[in-house]
Amino acid sequence: MDTIVNKVAESGIVTINLEHFLPTQETAVIDLKDYLFMGMILKEKDFRAALLAKDWAEYSGKNVAVVCTADAIIPMWAYMLLAMYLEPVVNFVYYGTEIELQQAVLQRNLKAIDVQEFADKRVVIKGCGDKSIPELAYLEITRLLLPVVKSLMYGEPCSTVPIYKQKKPTTT
């Protein structure tokens, strides 16, 4: 009887599933339009009073996007004050939309990878999954891994698209 050999398992290929780097924390959005006087002006005294009265615990452990959806000029100190209150309680604070926040957290999670773990290895970036992966994740993981991997592929270990293969040094 012939033994079935799993060539994929024996190939030494390492698979990275980008779904594992997606943000898992809840998100919240703070829209500075809610603090504008007459929908146009941010008054320092009123803004400070509103921030002081706010229960910041509602943002505990969350990723928070800060935006202003009104057509208003927000002074830079306003963002600094907001960050002062948010930083002690949130996981991550970001200026931009909720989608931009999610992408920034994803990029931050990818940058935390110890790329030396993949040195001289054959790596496949998983292609199919249950969750949508933004394009920036594929750009970022490729940028991070290229300097260290032996080869980089996209797809599944049994069916890959080659992206990069380390060139062998030439002898003279």
C-alpha atoms as a PDB file:
ATOM      1  CA  MET A   1       0.000   0.000   0.000  1.00  0.00           C
ATOM      2  CA  ASP A   2       1.360   3.393  -0.993  1.00  0.00           C
ATOM      3  CA  THR A   3       1.822   5.997   1.722  1.00  0.00           C
ATOM      4  CA  ILE A   4       0.163   9.337   1.089  1.00  0.00           C
ATOM      5  CA  VAL A   5       2.716  12.118   1.421  1.00  0.00           C
ATOM      6  CA  ASN A   6       1.642  15.664   2.178  1.00  0.00           C
ATOM      7  CA  LYS A   7       4.170  17.542   0.069  1.00  0.00           C
ATOM      8  CA  VAL A   8       2.792  20.912   1.174  1.00  0.00           C
ATOM      9  CA  ALA A   9       3.411  20.087   4.836  1.00  0.00           C
ATOM     10  CA  GLU A  10       6.935  18.883   4.045  1.00  0.00           C
ATOM     11  CA  SER A  11       7.799  21.902   1.879  1.00  0.00           C
ATOM     12  CA  GLY A  12       8.699  24.160   4.799  1.00  0.00           C
ATOM     13  CA  ILE A  13       6.364  26.865   3.538  1.00  0.00           C
ATOM     14  CA  VAL A  14       5.148  29.297   6.201  1.00  0.00           C
ATOM     15  CA  THR A  15       1.663  30.746   5.731  1.00  0.00           C
ATOM     16  CA  ILE A  16       0.697  34.182   7.011  1.00  0.00           C
ATOM     17  CA  ASN A  17      -3.012  34.876   7.356  1.00  0.00           C
ATOM     18  CA  LEU A  18      -3.529  38.642   7.265  1.00  0.00           C
ATOM     19  CA  GLU A  19      -6.911  38.212   9.001  1.00  0.00           C
ATOM     20  CA  HIS A  20      -4.950  37.713  12.228  1.00  0.00           C
ATOM     21  CA  PHE A  21      -3.721  41.315  12.016  1.00  0.00           C
ATOM     22  CA  LEU A  22      -7.117  42.967  11.591  1.00  0.00           C
ATOM     23  CA  PRO A  23      -8.187  45.162  14.510  1.00  0.00           C
ATOM     24  CA  THR A  24     -10.212  43.319  17.120  1.00  0.00           C
ATOM     25  CA  GLN A  25     -11.055  46.227  19.421  1.00  0.00           C
ATOM     26  CA  GLU A  26     -14.319  48.133  19.185  1.00  0.00           C
ATOM     27  CA  THR A  27     -14.177  51.470  17.401  1.00  0.00           C
ATOM     28  CA  ALA A  28     -15.716  54.807  18.207  1.00  0.00           C
ATOM     29  CA  VAL A  29     -15.843  58.084  16.324  1.00  0.00           C
ATOM     30  CA  ILE A  30     -15.621  61.529  17.887  1.00  0.00           C
ATOM     31  CA  ASP A  31     -16.925  64.210  15.542  1.00  0.00           C
ATOM     32  CA  LEU A  32     -15.760  67.685  16.505  1.00  0.00           C
ATOM     33  CA  LYS A  33     -18.812  69.191  14.787  1.00  0.00           C
ATOM     34  CA  ASP A  34     -20.680  68.289  17.969  1.00  0.00           C
ATOM     35  CA  TYR A  35     -18.564  70.849  19.859  1.00  0.00           C
ATOM     36  CA  LEU A  36     -18.952  73.761  17.435  1.00  0.00           C
ATOM     37  CA  PHE A  37     -20.758  76.961  18.365  1.00  0.00           C
ATOM     38  CA  MET A  38     -23.412  77.662  15.710  1.00  0.00           C
ATOM     39  CA  GLY A  39     -21.904  74.828  13.679  1.00  0.00           C
ATOM     40  CA  MET A  40     -18.908  76.966  12.742  1.00  0.00           C
ATOM     41  CA  ILE A  41     -16.622  77.938  15.617  1.00  0.00           C
ATOM     42  CA  LEU A  42     -14.873  76.023  18.356  1.00  0.00           C
ATOM     43  CA  LYS A  43     -14.851  78.130  21.522  1.00  0.00           C
ATOM     44  CA  GLU A  44     -11.977  77.207  23.808  1.00  0.00           C
ATOM     45  CA  LYS A  45     -13.803  77.768  27.100  1.00  0.00           C
ATOM     46  CA  ASP A  46     -16.879  75.778  26.012  1.00  0.00           C
ATOM     47  CA  PHE A  47     -14.756  73.004  24.484  1.00  0.00           C
ATOM     48  CA  ARG A  48     -12.663  72.629  27.650  1.00  0.00           C
ATOM     49  CA  ALA A  49     -15.817  72.497  29.784  1.00  0.00           C
ATOM     50  CA  ALA A  50     -17.382  69.846  27.533  1.00  0.00           C
ATOM     51  CA  LEU A  51     -14.236  67.695  27.619  1.00  0.00           C
ATOM     52  CA  LEU A  52     -13.985  68.014  31.384  1.00  0.00           C
ATOM     53  CA  ALA A  53     -17.620  66.928  31.823  1.00  0.00           C
ATOM     54  CA  LYS A  54     -17.371  63.964  29.434  1.00  0.00           C
ATOM     55  CA  ASP A  55     -17.269  60.393  30.748  1.00  0.00           C
ATOM     56  CA  TRP A  56     -14.147  59.101  29.003  1.00  0.00           C
ATOM     57  CA  ALA A  57     -14.701  55.561  30.303  1.00  0.00           C
ATOM     58  CA  GLU A  58     -17.028  54.933  27.345  1.00  0.00           C
ATOM     59  CA  TYR A  59     -13.898  54.873  25.137  1.00  0.00           C
ATOM     60  CA  SER A  60     -11.955  52.473  27.367  1.00  0.00           C
ATOM     61  CA  GLY A  61      -9.929  50.007  25.271  1.00  0.00           C
ATOM     62  CA  LYS A  62     -11.433  51.193  21.994  1.00  0.00           C
ATOM     63  CA  ASN A  63      -9.824  52.481  18.825  1.00  0.00           C
ATOM     64  CA  VAL A  64     -11.064  56.046  18.350  1.00  0.00           C
ATOM     65  CA  ALA A  65     -11.293  58.020  15.130  1.00  0.00           C
ATOM     66  CA  VAL A  66     -11.402  61.803  15.463  1.00  0.00           C
ATOM     67  CA  VAL A  67     -13.040  63.728  12.619  1.00  0.00           C
ATOM     68  CA  CYS A  68     -14.815  66.962  11.887  1.00  0.00           C
ATOM     69  CA  THR A  69     -17.616  66.520   9.375  1.00  0.00           C
ATOM     70  CA  ALA A  70     -18.538  70.199   9.424  1.00  0.00           C
ATOM     71  CA  ASP A  71     -16.848  72.757   7.211  1.00  0.00           C
ATOM     72  CA  ALA A  72     -15.016  74.479  10.055  1.00  0.00           C
ATOM     73  CA  ILE A  73     -11.463  75.399  10.928  1.00  0.00           C
ATOM     74  CA  ILE A  74     -10.439  73.506  14.042  1.00  0.00           C
ATOM     75  CA  PRO A  75      -7.454  74.926  15.923  1.00  0.00           C
ATOM     76  CA  MET A  76      -4.602  72.459  16.453  1.00  0.00           C
ATOM     77  CA  TRP A  77      -4.777  72.790  20.235  1.00  0.00           C
ATOM     78  CA  ALA A  78      -8.235  71.191  20.118  1.00  0.00           C
ATOM     79  CA  TYR A  79      -6.750  67.932  18.855  1.00  0.00           C
ATOM     80  CA  MET A  80      -4.082  68.099  21.531  1.00  0.00           C
ATOM     81  CA  LEU A  81      -6.688  68.563  24.278  1.00  0.00           C
ATOM     82  CA  LEU A  82      -8.735  65.689  22.936  1.00  0.00           C
ATOM     83  CA  ALA A  83      -5.672  63.443  22.813  1.00  0.00           C
ATOM     84  CA  MET A  84      -4.852  64.369  26.402  1.00  0.00           C
ATOM     85  CA  TYR A  85      -8.198  62.974  27.555  1.00  0.00           C
ATOM     86  CA  LEU A  86      -8.272  59.974  25.224  1.00  0.00           C
ATOM     87  CA  GLU A  87      -4.729  58.669  25.507  1.00  0.00           C
ATOM     88  CA  PRO A  88      -5.014  57.263  29.051  1.00  0.00           C
ATOM     89  CA  VAL A  89      -8.119  55.194  28.240  1.00  0.00           C
ATOM     90  CA  VAL A  90      -8.112  54.200  24.561  1.00  0.00           C
ATOM     91  CA  ASN A  91      -6.233  51.499  22.702  1.00  0.00           C
ATOM     92  CA  PHE A  92      -5.437  53.818  19.777  1.00  0.00           C
ATOM     93  CA  VAL A  93      -6.514  57.286  18.673  1.00  0.00           C
ATOM     94  CA  TYR A  94      -6.293  58.451  15.065  1.00  0.00           C
ATOM     95  CA  TYR A  95      -7.302  61.485  13.043  1.00  0.00           C
ATOM     96  CA  GLY A  96      -9.438  60.299  10.154  1.00  0.00           C
ATOM     97  CA  THR A  97     -12.518  58.303   9.271  1.00  0.00           C
ATOM     98  CA  GLU A  98     -13.406  54.999  10.879  1.00  0.00           C
ATOM     99  CA  ILE A  99     -12.143  53.141   7.780  1.00  0.00           C
ATOM    100  CA  GLU A 100      -8.857  55.049   7.875  1.00  0.00           C
ATOM    101  CA  LEU A 101      -8.577  54.222  11.579  1.00  0.00           C
ATOM    102  CA  GLN A 102      -9.061  50.501  10.870  1.00  0.00           C
ATOM    103  CA  GLN A 103      -6.361  50.643   8.201  1.00  0.00           C
ATOM    104  CA  ALA A 104      -3.967  52.496  10.511  1.00  0.00           C
ATOM    105  CA  VAL A 105      -4.434  49.891  13.257  1.00  0.00           C
ATOM    106  CA  LEU A 106      -3.934  47.096  10.720  1.00  0.00           C
ATOM    107  CA  GLN A 107      -0.725  48.721   9.512  1.00  0.00           C
ATOM    108  CA  ARG A 108       0.430  49.192  13.098  1.00  0.00           C
ATOM    109  CA  ASN A 109      -0.276  45.508  13.844  1.00  0.00           C
ATOM    110  CA  LEU A 110       1.717  44.435  10.785  1.00  0.00           C
ATOM    111  CA  LYS A 111       4.671  46.632  11.721  1.00  0.00           C
ATOM    112  CA  ALA A 112       4.834  44.819  15.062  1.00  0.00           C
ATOM    113  CA  ILE A 113       5.792  41.564  13.324  1.00  0.00           C
ATOM    114  CA  ASP A 114       9.252  40.243  14.105  1.00  0.00           C
ATOM    115  CA  VAL A 115      10.318  39.827  10.484  1.00  0.00           C
ATOM    116  CA  GLN A 116      13.444  37.915  11.529  1.00  0.00           C
ATOM    117  CA  GLU A 117      11.089  35.044  12.339  1.00  0.00           C
ATOM    118  CA  PHE A 118      10.700  34.676   8.558  1.00  0.00           C
ATOM    119  CA  ALA A 119      14.374  35.038   7.618  1.00  0.00           C
ATOM    120  CA  ASP A 120      15.365  32.726   4.755  1.00  0.00           C
ATOM    121  CA  LYS A 121      11.937  31.078   4.721  1.00  0.00           C
ATOM    122  CA  ARG A 122       9.466  30.427   1.959  1.00  0.00           C
ATOM    123  CA  VAL A 123       6.386  32.472   2.868  1.00  0.00           C
ATOM    124  CA  VAL A 124       2.867  32.418   1.460  1.00  0.00           C
ATOM    125  CA  ILE A 125       0.473  35.273   2.161  1.00  0.00           C
ATOM    126  CA  LYS A 126      -2.925  33.582   2.440  1.00  0.00           C
ATOM    127  CA  GLY A 127      -5.213  34.640  -0.352  1.00  0.00           C
ATOM    128  CA  CYS A 128      -8.680  33.498   0.641  1.00  0.00           C
ATOM    129  CA  GLY A 129     -10.500  34.065   3.869  1.00  0.00           C
ATOM    130  CA  ASP A 130     -13.680  34.995   5.621  1.00  0.00           C
ATOM    131  CA  LYS A 131     -12.846  38.676   6.055  1.00  0.00           C
ATOM    132  CA  SER A 132     -12.009  41.396   3.570  1.00  0.00           C
ATOM    133  CA  ILE A 133      -8.364  42.451   3.743  1.00  0.00           C
ATOM    134  CA  PRO A 134      -7.506  45.993   2.572  1.00  0.00           C
ATOM    135  CA  GLU A 135      -4.956  46.375  -0.198  1.00  0.00           C
ATOM    136  CA  LEU A 136      -2.583  48.241   2.097  1.00  0.00           C
ATOM    137  CA  ALA A 137      -2.054  45.027   4.105  1.00  0.00           C
ATOM    138  CA  TYR A 138      -0.611  43.272   1.054  1.00  0.00           C
ATOM    139  CA  LEU A 139       1.650  46.229   0.292  1.00  0.00           C
ATOM    140  CA  GLU A 140       2.845  46.483   3.893  1.00  0.00           C
ATOM    141  CA  ILE A 141       3.500  42.763   4.462  1.00  0.00           C
ATOM    142  CA  THR A 142       5.440  42.605   1.189  1.00  0.00           C
ATOM    143  CA  ARG A 143       7.491  45.676   2.102  1.00  0.00           C
ATOM    144  CA  LEU A 144       8.298  44.205   5.507  1.00  0.00           C
ATOM    145  CA  LEU A 145       9.187  40.701   4.349  1.00  0.00           C
ATOM    146  CA  LEU A 146      11.150  41.301   1.138  1.00  0.00           C
ATOM    147  CA  PRO A 147      14.459  42.052   2.858  1.00  0.00           C
ATOM    148  CA  VAL A 148      14.452  38.767   4.806  1.00  0.00           C
ATOM    149  CA  VAL A 149      12.491  35.986   3.073  1.00  0.00           C
ATOM    150  CA  LYS A 150      13.857  33.372   0.697  1.00  0.00           C
ATOM    151  CA  SER A 151      10.669  33.571  -1.350  1.00  0.00           C
ATOM    152  CA  LEU A 152       7.298  35.262  -1.127  1.00  0.00           C
ATOM    153  CA  MET A 153       4.092  33.942  -2.635  1.00  0.00           C
ATOM    154  CA  TYR A 154       0.382  34.754  -2.633  1.00  0.00           C
ATOM    155  CA  GLY A 155      -2.454  32.246  -2.385  1.00  0.00           C
ATOM    156  CA  GLU A 156      -2.580  28.864  -0.690  1.00  0.00           C
ATOM    157  CA  PRO A 157       0.405  26.534  -0.203  1.00  0.00           C
ATOM    158  CA  CYS A 158      -1.058  24.115  -2.771  1.00  0.00           C
ATOM    159  CA  SER A 159      -1.596  26.841  -5.373  1.00  0.00           C
ATOM    160  CA  THR A 160       0.497  29.996  -5.204  1.00  0.00           C
ATOM    161  CA  VAL A 161       1.373  33.000  -7.300  1.00  0.00           C
ATOM    162  CA  PRO A 162       5.103  33.676  -7.002  1.00  0.00           C
ATOM    163  CA  ILE A 163       5.898  37.254  -5.996  1.00  0.00           C
ATOM    164  CA  TYR A 164       9.581  37.236  -5.090  1.00  0.00           C
ATOM    165  CA  LYS A 165      12.466  34.791  -5.054  1.00  0.00           C
ATOM    166  CA  GLN A 166      15.805  35.617  -3.493  1.00  0.00           C
ATOM    167  CA  LYS A 167      18.551  35.639  -6.077  1.00  0.00           C
ATOM    168  CA  LYS A 168      21.428  33.283  -5.453  1.00  0.00           C
ATOM    169  CA  PRO A 169      24.787  34.994  -5.182  1.00  0.00           C
ATOM    170  CA  THR A 170      26.843  34.610  -8.333  1.00  0.00           C
ATOM    171  CA  THR A 171      30.341  33.239  -8.083  1.00  0.00           C
ATOM    172  CA  THR A 172      33.153  34.740 -10.084  1.00  0.00           C
END
